[in-house]
Amino acid sequence: MKAAVWDGSDILKFDPDYPDPVCRDDWVVIKVMSAGICATDLHIMRGEFGEPPLIMGHEICGIITDIGSRVESCGVGDRVVVETAVSCGHCRYCESGQKHLCSECHEVGFPPHNGGYAQYVTAPANCIHRIPDSMSWDEGGVLEAALCPFGLICRYGVKPGETVLIQGTGVAGLSFLQSVKALGAGKVIVAARNPYRLEQALRFGADTAINTKTENLYDRVMEETGGLGADLSIDSAGAPVTIEQAVKLAAPGGRCILYGLPDGDPDIHFPVKEIIMKQLTVMGGTNNQLAWDPLIELIAEGRFDVKSYVTGHCTLETVNEAVREVRAHPDHLIKTVIHPWE
């Protein structure tokens, strides 16, 4: 099969004759029709998550072409997306729907499991979710990027009519925005430094957009919330200043979700006194295996738009051009998907 392989360098090597994956008893083989390129893949290429060689790609959509001898939950021909957490299956976290917390958890597309930057990929059958015929391959190929923010809102909740502040306008920020809107939030405020991306957030449903480069974020949020702050304050940017602001801009008795990962090991001032005195709940998270099917249903109903996330396509042969674009992060870019069969 064709594949793009990370060999430890800062580029991917195109291999036209990579060995086809072998199907294990509890796994399936998937013909990859679309695979999203994630900024996390750049961290993999910097060696932050394990050693090469590796086929990256943890945003995967395709067709099942083979199933293992013990697989009964899905079949050949099913249109599916892949939940990438591969865990032990029997610890208390796995049994309670939190397998991403399993001490033995790895992910498809991270060492040691090859991912979707190839024509075929294998995955455990318990990581497979069917998608309807109405959902395009590319929608499925970027669905995982929306799943984590949506899953965190499902886990931690948003109450009807609550005011929500979201810092960051990347795909995570846009997914938090659509998630809280779909689940009943009132006013949703989005803050970022890039005017193009703020306009983009307004098109995805934000009620208010604050340019932190030209406006005082604290003053504007207080103006928008009657001097209280946000009931739910979300940081999807991961910068030291946005993490601190996520706490400071939460209303008394409010909640904070920290999702954006800081680069390196930054010096972050965490306002503990404010957390205590305002009686805040501060939560972190990365995944929610119980949110896949509800998100698929929302997309199928037209209540969550992932189709507009896809702003570019590439092939396995041209994937390095797309990786360079992700590194450059131009304004127009939301998600690029790989079409392995083109």
Protein backbone atom coordinates (compact mmCIF):
# COMPACT_ATOMS: atom_id res chain seq x y z
CA MET A 1 0.00 0.00 0.00
CA LYS A 2 0.97 3.66 -0.26
CA ALA A 3 1.90 5.43 2.97
CA ALA A 4 3.60 8.54 4.30
CA VAL A 5 6.07 7.50 6.98
CA TRP A 6 7.73 9.58 9.68
CA ASP A 7 11.35 8.46 9.86
CA GLY A 8 12.51 10.85 12.56
CA SER A 9 13.11 13.86 10.32
CA ASP A 10 10.93 16.94 9.88
CA ILE A 11 9.41 15.59 6.68
CA LEU A 12 7.40 12.48 5.83
CA LYS A 13 8.75 9.87 3.44
CA PHE A 14 6.39 8.65 0.75
CA ASP A 15 6.53 4.85 0.49
CA PRO A 16 4.61 3.33 -2.45
CA ASP A 17 5.16 -0.25 -1.22
CA TYR A 18 4.63 -0.18 2.54
CA PRO A 19 3.39 -3.58 3.84
CA ASP A 20 -0.38 -3.89 4.19
CA PRO A 21 -1.55 -4.13 7.83
CA VAL A 22 -2.47 -7.54 9.25
CA CYS A 23 -5.86 -7.95 10.90
CA ARG A 24 -5.81 -9.18 14.52
CA ASP A 25 -8.59 -11.16 16.19
CA ASP A 26 -10.31 -8.19 17.87
CA TRP A 27 -9.35 -5.58 15.26
CA VAL A 28 -10.54 -4.49 11.83
CA VAL A 29 -8.82 -3.26 8.67
CA ILE A 30 -10.06 0.02 7.22
CA LYS A 31 -9.57 1.41 3.74
CA VAL A 32 -8.77 5.04 4.53
CA MET A 33 -10.85 7.47 2.47
CA SER A 34 -9.96 10.66 4.34
CA ALA A 35 -7.50 11.49 7.13
CA GLY A 36 -7.21 14.86 8.82
CA ILE A 37 -3.87 16.51 9.46
CA CYS A 38 -3.64 17.65 13.08
CA ALA A 39 -1.25 20.14 14.66
CA THR A 40 -0.48 17.44 17.23
CA ASP A 41 1.23 15.53 14.42
CA LEU A 42 3.87 18.26 14.39
CA HIS A 43 4.60 17.44 18.04
CA ILE A 44 5.01 13.78 17.06
CA MET A 45 7.50 14.80 14.38
CA ARG A 46 9.47 16.68 17.03
CA GLY A 47 9.79 13.42 18.97
CA GLU A 48 7.53 14.43 21.86
CA PHE A 49 5.36 11.29 21.83
CA GLY A 50 7.70 8.44 20.96
CA GLU A 51 10.16 7.09 18.45
CA PRO A 52 9.99 6.54 14.66
CA PRO A 53 9.28 4.92 12.31
CA LEU A 54 5.56 5.63 12.34
CA ILE A 55 2.62 6.25 10.05
CA MET A 56 0.89 9.19 11.72
CA GLY A 57 -2.77 10.16 11.46
CA HIS A 58 -5.39 9.91 14.21
CA GLU A 59 -8.32 11.52 12.37
CA ILE A 60 -9.56 8.67 10.20
CA CYS A 61 -12.60 7.85 8.10
CA GLY A 62 -13.06 4.92 5.72
CA ILE A 63 -14.58 1.55 4.90
CA ILE A 64 -14.01 -1.70 6.77
CA THR A 65 -12.41 -4.24 4.43
CA ASP A 66 -11.60 -7.05 6.89
CA ILE A 67 -12.56 -8.05 10.42
CA GLY A 68 -10.88 -10.25 13.01
CA SER A 69 -12.18 -13.67 14.01
CA ARG A 70 -13.73 -12.38 17.26
CA VAL A 71 -15.34 -9.22 15.87
CA GLU A 72 -19.15 -9.11 15.96
CA SER A 73 -19.91 -5.40 16.44
CA CYS A 74 -19.20 -4.31 12.86
CA GLY A 75 -18.75 -5.78 9.42
CA VAL A 76 -17.06 -5.51 6.05
CA GLY A 77 -18.44 -2.57 4.08
CA ASP A 78 -19.35 -0.43 7.08
CA ARG A 79 -18.58 3.30 6.71
CA VAL A 80 -16.76 4.24 9.91
CA VAL A 81 -14.70 6.72 11.87
CA VAL A 82 -12.00 5.66 14.32
CA GLU A 83 -11.86 6.48 18.01
CA THR A 84 -8.13 6.19 18.47
CA ALA A 85 -7.63 5.26 22.15
CA VAL A 86 -6.27 1.69 22.44
CA SER A 87 -6.47 0.52 26.04
CA CYS A 88 -6.40 -2.62 28.18
CA GLY A 89 -10.19 -2.98 28.20
CA HIS A 90 -10.58 -4.28 31.74
CA CYS A 91 -9.36 -1.68 34.26
CA ARG A 92 -11.78 0.57 36.15
CA TYR A 93 -11.25 3.41 33.67
CA CYS A 94 -11.93 1.25 30.63
CA GLU A 95 -15.04 -0.20 32.25
CA SER A 96 -16.41 3.25 33.17
CA GLY A 97 -16.08 4.85 29.73
CA GLN A 98 -12.78 6.62 30.44
CA LYS A 99 -10.30 4.42 28.62
CA HIS A 100 -8.12 7.41 27.74
CA LEU A 101 -7.13 7.39 31.45
CA CYS A 102 -6.03 3.74 31.31
CA SER A 103 -2.37 3.35 32.29
CA GLU A 104 -1.86 1.13 29.25
CA CYS A 105 -3.59 3.48 26.81
CA HIS A 106 -1.96 4.29 23.48
CA GLU A 107 -3.47 5.83 20.37
CA VAL A 108 -3.77 4.90 16.73
CA GLY A 109 -1.44 7.26 14.89
CA PHE A 110 0.92 7.61 17.86
CA PRO A 111 3.83 5.28 18.62
CA PRO A 112 3.60 2.31 18.54
CA HIS A 113 0.35 2.15 16.48
CA ASN A 114 0.39 3.18 12.83
CA GLY A 115 -2.31 5.62 11.78
CA GLY A 116 -4.24 6.89 8.81
CA TYR A 117 -1.61 8.52 6.58
CA ALA A 118 -1.87 5.39 4.44
CA GLN A 119 -4.29 3.52 2.23
CA TYR A 120 -5.14 1.05 4.99
CA VAL A 121 -5.06 1.14 8.78
CA THR A 122 -5.98 -1.30 11.56
CA ALA A 123 -7.91 -0.40 14.70
CA PRO A 124 -9.61 -2.27 17.56
CA ALA A 125 -13.23 -3.10 16.82
CA ASN A 126 -14.28 -1.34 20.02
CA CYS A 127 -12.88 1.90 18.57
CA ILE A 128 -15.15 1.86 15.53
CA HIS A 129 -18.20 4.09 15.07
CA ARG A 130 -20.47 3.85 12.06
CA ILE A 131 -21.37 6.98 10.12
CA PRO A 132 -24.50 7.50 7.99
CA ASP A 133 -24.41 7.54 4.22
CA SER A 134 -25.28 11.23 4.32
CA MET A 135 -21.94 12.07 5.95
CA SER A 136 -19.07 12.68 3.51
CA TRP A 137 -15.66 11.08 3.86
CA ASP A 138 -14.11 14.46 4.59
CA GLU A 139 -16.62 15.21 7.33
CA GLY A 140 -15.66 11.90 8.90
CA GLY A 141 -11.99 12.67 8.33
CA VAL A 142 -12.10 15.74 10.58
CA LEU A 143 -14.72 14.53 13.06
CA GLU A 144 -12.13 13.52 15.66
CA ALA A 145 -10.87 17.10 15.80
CA ALA A 146 -14.32 18.21 16.98
CA LEU A 147 -14.85 15.24 19.27
CA CYS A 148 -12.57 16.26 22.13
CA PRO A 149 -14.10 19.73 22.67
CA PHE A 150 -17.61 18.35 22.20
CA GLY A 151 -16.85 15.50 24.59
CA LEU A 152 -15.64 17.89 27.27
CA ILE A 153 -18.83 19.93 27.04
CA CYS A 154 -20.82 16.69 27.30
CA ARG A 155 -18.81 15.70 30.38
CA TYR A 156 -18.75 19.01 32.22
CA GLY A 157 -21.96 20.52 30.91
CA VAL A 158 -23.32 23.87 29.87
CA LYS A 159 -26.62 25.05 31.34
CA PRO A 160 -29.33 26.65 29.21
CA GLY A 161 -28.76 30.37 28.86
CA GLU A 162 -25.27 30.42 30.39
CA THR A 163 -22.68 32.89 29.18
CA VAL A 164 -19.59 31.20 27.75
CA LEU A 165 -16.17 32.68 27.02
CA ILE A 166 -13.90 30.84 24.59
CA GLN A 167 -10.30 31.91 24.06
CA GLY A 168 -8.85 30.65 20.79
CA THR A 169 -10.32 30.36 17.31
CA GLY A 170 -8.60 27.29 15.92
CA VAL A 171 -10.52 24.11 15.21
CA ALA A 172 -10.79 23.42 18.96
CA GLY A 173 -12.19 26.87 19.67
CA LEU A 174 -14.68 26.57 16.82
CA SER A 175 -15.71 23.14 18.09
CA PHE A 176 -16.22 24.41 21.63
CA LEU A 177 -18.29 27.21 20.12
CA GLN A 178 -20.54 24.87 18.16
CA SER A 179 -20.79 22.46 21.08
CA VAL A 180 -22.04 24.97 23.64
CA LYS A 181 -24.43 26.46 21.08
CA ALA A 182 -25.86 23.05 20.23
CA LEU A 183 -26.32 22.20 23.91
CA GLY A 184 -28.16 25.35 24.91
CA ALA A 185 -25.71 28.11 25.88
CA GLY A 186 -26.89 31.71 25.87
CA LYS A 187 -24.35 34.36 24.92
CA VAL A 188 -21.07 32.98 23.55
CA ILE A 189 -18.06 35.31 23.55
CA VAL A 190 -14.98 34.42 21.52
CA ALA A 191 -11.61 36.11 22.06
CA ALA A 192 -8.49 36.01 19.87
CA ARG A 193 -5.84 38.25 18.30
CA ASN A 194 -6.59 37.54 14.64
CA PRO A 195 -9.45 39.58 13.06
CA TYR A 196 -9.91 37.10 10.20
CA ARG A 197 -10.41 34.23 12.63
CA LEU A 198 -12.75 36.29 14.77
CA GLU A 199 -14.94 36.90 11.70
CA GLN A 200 -14.79 33.16 11.11
CA ALA A 201 -16.00 32.52 14.67
CA LEU A 202 -18.95 34.86 14.09
CA ARG A 203 -19.88 32.85 11.00
CA PHE A 204 -19.84 29.68 13.14
CA GLY A 205 -22.28 31.23 15.60
CA ALA A 206 -20.40 33.38 18.13
CA ASP A 207 -22.48 36.24 19.55
CA THR A 208 -19.55 38.51 20.39
CA ALA A 209 -15.96 38.58 19.11
CA ILE A 210 -13.23 40.39 21.05
CA ASN A 211 -9.93 41.29 19.42
CA THR A 212 -7.41 40.97 22.26
CA LYS A 213 -4.81 42.84 20.23
CA THR A 214 -6.85 46.03 20.10
CA GLU A 215 -9.29 45.66 23.00
CA ASN A 216 -8.92 45.10 26.75
CA LEU A 217 -10.22 41.57 27.22
CA TYR A 218 -11.07 41.92 30.91
CA ASP A 219 -13.02 45.15 30.42
CA ARG A 220 -14.89 43.82 27.39
CA VAL A 221 -15.89 40.56 29.08
CA MET A 222 -17.12 42.43 32.14
CA GLU A 223 -19.06 44.75 29.86
CA GLU A 224 -20.68 41.79 28.11
CA THR A 225 -21.51 39.96 31.35
CA GLY A 226 -22.77 42.75 33.58
CA GLY A 227 -19.57 42.81 35.58
CA LEU A 228 -19.72 39.14 36.61
CA GLY A 229 -17.61 37.22 34.13
CA ALA A 230 -18.43 34.05 32.20
CA ASP A 231 -20.38 31.19 33.73
CA LEU A 232 -18.17 28.85 31.69
CA SER A 233 -14.69 30.03 30.69
CA ILE A 234 -12.79 27.89 28.17
CA ASP A 235 -9.15 28.14 27.12
CA SER A 236 -8.44 26.39 23.85
CA ALA A 237 -5.30 28.40 23.05
CA GLY A 238 -2.85 27.03 25.63
CA ALA A 239 -0.83 30.22 26.08
CA PRO A 240 0.25 31.18 29.62
CA VAL A 241 -1.74 34.42 29.42
CA THR A 242 -4.94 32.76 28.17
CA ILE A 243 -4.76 30.08 30.87
CA GLU A 244 -4.51 32.76 33.55
CA GLN A 245 -7.28 34.80 31.94
CA ALA A 246 -9.57 31.79 31.75
CA VAL A 247 -9.61 31.77 35.55
CA LYS A 248 -9.75 35.52 36.06
CA LEU A 249 -12.66 35.94 33.65
CA ALA A 250 -14.86 33.24 35.18
CA ALA A 251 -17.83 34.45 37.21
CA PRO A 252 -17.98 33.69 40.95
CA GLY A 253 -19.10 30.08 41.30
CA GLY A 254 -18.27 29.50 37.64
CA ARG A 255 -16.32 26.83 35.81
CA CYS A 256 -13.15 26.79 33.73
CA ILE A 257 -12.15 24.23 31.12
CA LEU A 258 -8.45 24.12 30.26
CA TYR A 259 -7.88 22.37 26.95
CA GLY A 260 -5.06 24.09 25.04
CA LEU A 261 -1.64 22.51 25.62
CA PRO A 262 1.19 24.99 26.30
CA ASP A 263 4.31 24.61 24.18
CA GLY A 264 7.39 23.43 26.05
CA ASP A 265 7.49 24.09 29.79
CA PRO A 266 6.31 27.68 30.19
CA ASP A 267 6.17 29.68 33.39
CA ILE A 268 2.44 29.93 34.07
CA HIS A 269 1.01 32.11 36.81
CA PHE A 270 -1.96 30.12 38.08
CA PRO A 271 -4.26 32.37 40.15
CA VAL A 272 -4.94 29.96 43.00
CA LYS A 273 -6.24 32.65 45.37
CA GLU A 274 -8.83 33.68 42.82
CA ILE A 275 -9.92 30.07 42.34
CA ILE A 276 -10.43 29.71 46.09
CA MET A 277 -12.13 33.04 46.77
CA LYS A 278 -14.45 32.84 43.74
CA GLN A 279 -15.19 29.15 44.45
CA LEU A 280 -14.36 28.14 40.89
CA THR A 281 -14.30 24.66 39.43
CA VAL A 282 -11.30 24.19 37.15
CA MET A 283 -11.34 21.19 34.83
CA GLY A 284 -8.98 19.71 32.25
CA GLY A 285 -9.63 17.09 29.65
CA THR A 286 -8.70 15.55 26.33
CA ASN A 287 -11.22 12.90 25.31
CA ASN A 288 -14.63 11.34 25.85
CA GLN A 289 -15.34 7.99 24.27
CA LEU A 290 -19.06 8.31 25.06
CA ALA A 291 -19.46 11.42 22.89
CA TRP A 292 -18.80 9.93 19.44
CA ASP A 293 -22.28 8.75 18.56
CA PRO A 294 -24.05 11.89 19.88
CA LEU A 295 -21.70 14.06 17.82
CA ILE A 296 -22.26 11.94 14.70
CA GLU A 297 -26.01 12.41 15.25
CA LEU A 298 -25.66 16.20 15.61
CA ILE A 299 -23.65 16.38 12.39
CA ALA A 300 -26.19 14.23 10.56
CA GLU A 301 -28.97 16.54 11.79
CA GLY A 302 -27.12 19.60 10.50
CA ARG A 303 -26.67 21.06 13.99
CA PHE A 304 -22.86 20.86 14.00
CA ASP A 305 -20.88 21.91 10.92
CA VAL A 306 -17.62 20.05 10.32
CA LYS A 307 -17.88 20.25 6.54
CA SER A 308 -16.72 23.88 6.66
CA TYR A 309 -13.63 22.85 8.63
CA VAL A 310 -12.14 21.29 5.50
CA THR A 311 -10.18 24.05 3.79
CA GLY A 312 -7.65 21.95 1.86
CA HIS A 313 -6.86 18.52 0.39
CA CYS A 314 -3.67 16.67 -0.42
CA THR A 315 -2.43 13.23 -1.44
CA LEU A 316 0.11 11.00 0.27
CA GLU A 317 2.67 12.14 -2.29
CA THR A 318 2.03 15.83 -1.52
CA VAL A 319 1.49 15.57 2.24
CA ASN A 320 4.68 17.48 3.08
CA GLU A 321 3.30 20.57 1.38
CA ALA A 322 0.26 20.33 3.64
CA VAL A 323 2.45 19.80 6.73
CA ARG A 324 4.41 22.94 5.86
CA GLU A 325 1.15 24.85 5.61
CA VAL A 326 0.06 23.60 9.04
CA ARG A 327 3.39 24.83 10.44
CA ALA A 328 2.87 28.24 8.81
CA HIS A 329 -0.74 28.37 10.02
CA PRO A 330 -2.17 30.85 7.48
CA ASP A 331 -5.40 32.63 8.35
CA HIS A 332 -7.58 30.64 5.97
CA LEU A 333 -6.47 27.22 7.22
CA ILE A 334 -8.79 25.22 9.46
CA LYS A 335 -8.19 21.59 8.43
CA THR A 336 -6.45 19.83 5.56
CA VAL A 337 -7.40 16.24 4.76
CA ILE A 338 -5.39 13.54 3.00
CA HIS A 339 -7.00 11.47 0.24
CA PRO A 340 -4.80 8.34 0.17
CA TRP A 341 -6.32 6.92 -3.01
CA GLU A 342 -5.73 9.94 -5.23
